[in-house]
Amino acid sequence: MRTLPMGITYAIWTGIGGVGATLIGILLYGEHAGLKRLSFMSLIIISIIGLKILV
C-alpha cells in the first residue's frame, strides 16, 4: 500500500484470493477444471499483472 492506491491494492488481493480459492478447490477437492474456468482464471492473473505494471 506504500506505492499503490488502496482501490487497486484491494482489487489485486481480491483477485489473488479468488484464484487461490479456485485452485484449492481444483487441487484438493477435485472440482472440475474446465477450459472456461482456467481461461477466466488466467484473465484475472493477467489483469492483476496489468494493474501492477501500469501503476
N, C-alpha and C. Protein backbone atom coordinates (compact mmCIF):
# COMPACT_ATOMS: atom_id res chain seq x y z
N MET A 1 0.82 -1.20 0.00
CA MET A 1 0.00 0.00 0.00
C MET A 1 0.87 1.26 0.00
N ARG A 2 2.14 1.11 0.09
CA ARG A 2 3.00 2.29 0.10
C ARG A 2 3.12 2.92 -1.28
N THR A 3 2.98 2.13 -2.32
CA THR A 3 3.13 2.67 -3.67
C THR A 3 1.87 2.56 -4.51
N LEU A 4 0.94 1.70 -4.13
CA LEU A 4 -0.29 1.53 -4.90
C LEU A 4 -1.47 2.14 -4.16
N PRO A 5 -2.42 2.71 -4.90
CA PRO A 5 -3.64 3.21 -4.26
C PRO A 5 -4.45 2.07 -3.63
N MET A 6 -5.24 2.40 -2.63
CA MET A 6 -5.98 1.39 -1.88
C MET A 6 -6.94 0.60 -2.77
N GLY A 7 -7.62 1.24 -3.71
CA GLY A 7 -8.57 0.55 -4.57
C GLY A 7 -7.92 -0.51 -5.44
N ILE A 8 -6.77 -0.18 -5.98
CA ILE A 8 -6.06 -1.14 -6.82
C ILE A 8 -5.51 -2.27 -5.96
N THR A 9 -5.01 -1.94 -4.78
CA THR A 9 -4.49 -2.97 -3.88
C THR A 9 -5.60 -3.94 -3.49
N TYR A 10 -6.79 -3.42 -3.21
CA TYR A 10 -7.92 -4.28 -2.87
C TYR A 10 -8.28 -5.19 -4.04
N ALA A 11 -8.30 -4.65 -5.25
CA ALA A 11 -8.62 -5.45 -6.43
C ALA A 11 -7.60 -6.56 -6.64
N ILE A 12 -6.34 -6.25 -6.42
CA ILE A 12 -5.29 -7.25 -6.59
C ILE A 12 -5.45 -8.38 -5.58
N TRP A 13 -5.63 -8.05 -4.31
CA TRP A 13 -5.75 -9.08 -3.28
C TRP A 13 -7.04 -9.88 -3.42
N THR A 14 -8.09 -9.24 -3.88
CA THR A 14 -9.34 -9.97 -4.12
C THR A 14 -9.16 -10.97 -5.27
N GLY A 15 -8.48 -10.55 -6.32
CA GLY A 15 -8.21 -11.45 -7.45
C GLY A 15 -7.34 -12.62 -7.03
N ILE A 16 -6.30 -12.34 -6.23
CA ILE A 16 -5.43 -13.41 -5.74
C ILE A 16 -6.23 -14.39 -4.89
N GLY A 17 -7.10 -13.87 -4.03
CA GLY A 17 -7.92 -14.73 -3.18
C GLY A 17 -8.88 -15.59 -3.99
N GLY A 18 -9.49 -15.00 -5.01
CA GLY A 18 -10.42 -15.76 -5.85
C GLY A 18 -9.73 -16.87 -6.62
N VAL A 19 -8.60 -16.54 -7.22
CA VAL A 19 -7.84 -17.55 -7.97
C VAL A 19 -7.31 -18.63 -7.02
N GLY A 20 -6.83 -18.20 -5.86
CA GLY A 20 -6.32 -19.16 -4.88
C GLY A 20 -7.39 -20.12 -4.40
N ALA A 21 -8.57 -19.60 -4.10
CA ALA A 21 -9.67 -20.46 -3.65
C ALA A 21 -10.09 -21.44 -4.74
N THR A 22 -10.09 -20.98 -5.97
CA THR A 22 -10.45 -21.86 -7.08
C THR A 22 -9.40 -22.96 -7.26
N LEU A 23 -8.12 -22.59 -7.17
CA LEU A 23 -7.06 -23.59 -7.29
C LEU A 23 -7.12 -24.63 -6.17
N ILE A 24 -7.41 -24.18 -4.96
CA ILE A 24 -7.55 -25.13 -3.85
C ILE A 24 -8.71 -26.09 -4.12
N GLY A 25 -9.82 -25.55 -4.62
CA GLY A 25 -10.95 -26.41 -4.95
C GLY A 25 -10.60 -27.43 -6.01
N ILE A 26 -9.84 -27.02 -7.01
CA ILE A 26 -9.46 -27.94 -8.08
C ILE A 26 -8.48 -28.98 -7.58
N LEU A 27 -7.44 -28.53 -6.86
CA LEU A 27 -6.36 -29.44 -6.47
C LEU A 27 -6.73 -30.35 -5.30
N LEU A 28 -7.42 -29.81 -4.31
CA LEU A 28 -7.69 -30.59 -3.10
C LEU A 28 -9.05 -31.28 -3.09
N TYR A 29 -10.03 -30.67 -3.74
CA TYR A 29 -11.38 -31.20 -3.64
C TYR A 29 -11.90 -31.79 -4.95
N GLY A 30 -11.05 -31.83 -5.96
CA GLY A 30 -11.42 -32.49 -7.20
C GLY A 30 -12.50 -31.80 -8.00
N GLU A 31 -12.62 -30.48 -7.86
CA GLU A 31 -13.60 -29.76 -8.66
C GLU A 31 -13.18 -29.78 -10.13
N HIS A 32 -14.15 -29.60 -10.99
CA HIS A 32 -13.92 -29.64 -12.43
C HIS A 32 -13.04 -28.45 -12.85
N ALA A 33 -11.97 -28.72 -13.60
CA ALA A 33 -11.09 -27.67 -14.10
C ALA A 33 -11.24 -27.58 -15.61
N GLY A 34 -12.35 -27.02 -16.04
CA GLY A 34 -12.61 -26.94 -17.47
C GLY A 34 -11.86 -25.80 -18.13
N LEU A 35 -11.93 -25.78 -19.43
CA LEU A 35 -11.24 -24.77 -20.22
C LEU A 35 -11.72 -23.36 -19.88
N LYS A 36 -13.03 -23.20 -19.73
CA LYS A 36 -13.57 -21.88 -19.39
C LYS A 36 -13.05 -21.39 -18.05
N ARG A 37 -13.06 -22.25 -17.05
CA ARG A 37 -12.61 -21.88 -15.71
C ARG A 37 -11.14 -21.47 -15.73
N LEU A 38 -10.31 -22.26 -16.39
CA LEU A 38 -8.89 -21.95 -16.46
C LEU A 38 -8.63 -20.69 -17.29
N SER A 39 -9.42 -20.48 -18.33
CA SER A 39 -9.27 -19.28 -19.15
C SER A 39 -9.59 -18.01 -18.36
N PHE A 40 -10.67 -18.04 -17.62
CA PHE A 40 -11.05 -16.86 -16.86
C PHE A 40 -10.10 -16.62 -15.69
N MET A 41 -9.56 -17.70 -15.12
CA MET A 41 -8.56 -17.53 -14.07
C MET A 41 -7.30 -16.88 -14.64
N SER A 42 -6.92 -17.26 -15.85
CA SER A 42 -5.75 -16.64 -16.47
C SER A 42 -6.02 -15.17 -16.78
N LEU A 43 -7.25 -14.83 -17.15
CA LEU A 43 -7.59 -13.43 -17.37
C LEU A 43 -7.46 -12.61 -16.09
N ILE A 44 -7.86 -13.18 -14.97
CA ILE A 44 -7.71 -12.50 -13.69
C ILE A 44 -6.24 -12.27 -13.38
N ILE A 45 -5.43 -13.27 -13.60
CA ILE A 45 -3.99 -13.14 -13.32
C ILE A 45 -3.36 -12.10 -14.25
N ILE A 46 -3.73 -12.11 -15.52
CA ILE A 46 -3.22 -11.11 -16.46
C ILE A 46 -3.65 -9.71 -16.04
N SER A 47 -4.89 -9.57 -15.57
CA SER A 47 -5.37 -8.28 -15.11
C SER A 47 -4.60 -7.79 -13.89
N ILE A 48 -4.30 -8.68 -12.98
CA ILE A 48 -3.52 -8.31 -11.79
C ILE A 48 -2.13 -7.84 -12.21
N ILE A 49 -1.51 -8.54 -13.12
CA ILE A 49 -0.19 -8.13 -13.61
C ILE A 49 -0.28 -6.78 -14.29
N GLY A 50 -1.31 -6.58 -15.10
CA GLY A 50 -1.50 -5.30 -15.77
C GLY A 50 -1.68 -4.16 -14.79
N LEU A 51 -2.45 -4.35 -13.75
CA LEU A 51 -2.63 -3.30 -12.74
C LEU A 51 -1.31 -2.98 -12.06
N LYS A 52 -0.55 -4.00 -11.77
CA LYS A 52 0.74 -3.80 -11.09
C LYS A 52 1.72 -3.05 -11.99
N ILE A 53 1.72 -3.35 -13.29
CA ILE A 53 2.65 -2.71 -14.23
C ILE A 53 2.25 -1.26 -14.50
N LEU A 54 0.97 -1.02 -14.68
CA LEU A 54 0.52 0.32 -15.09
C LEU A 54 0.57 1.35 -13.97
N VAL A 55 0.54 0.90 -12.74
CA VAL A 55 0.51 1.87 -11.64
C VAL A 55 1.84 1.93 -10.95
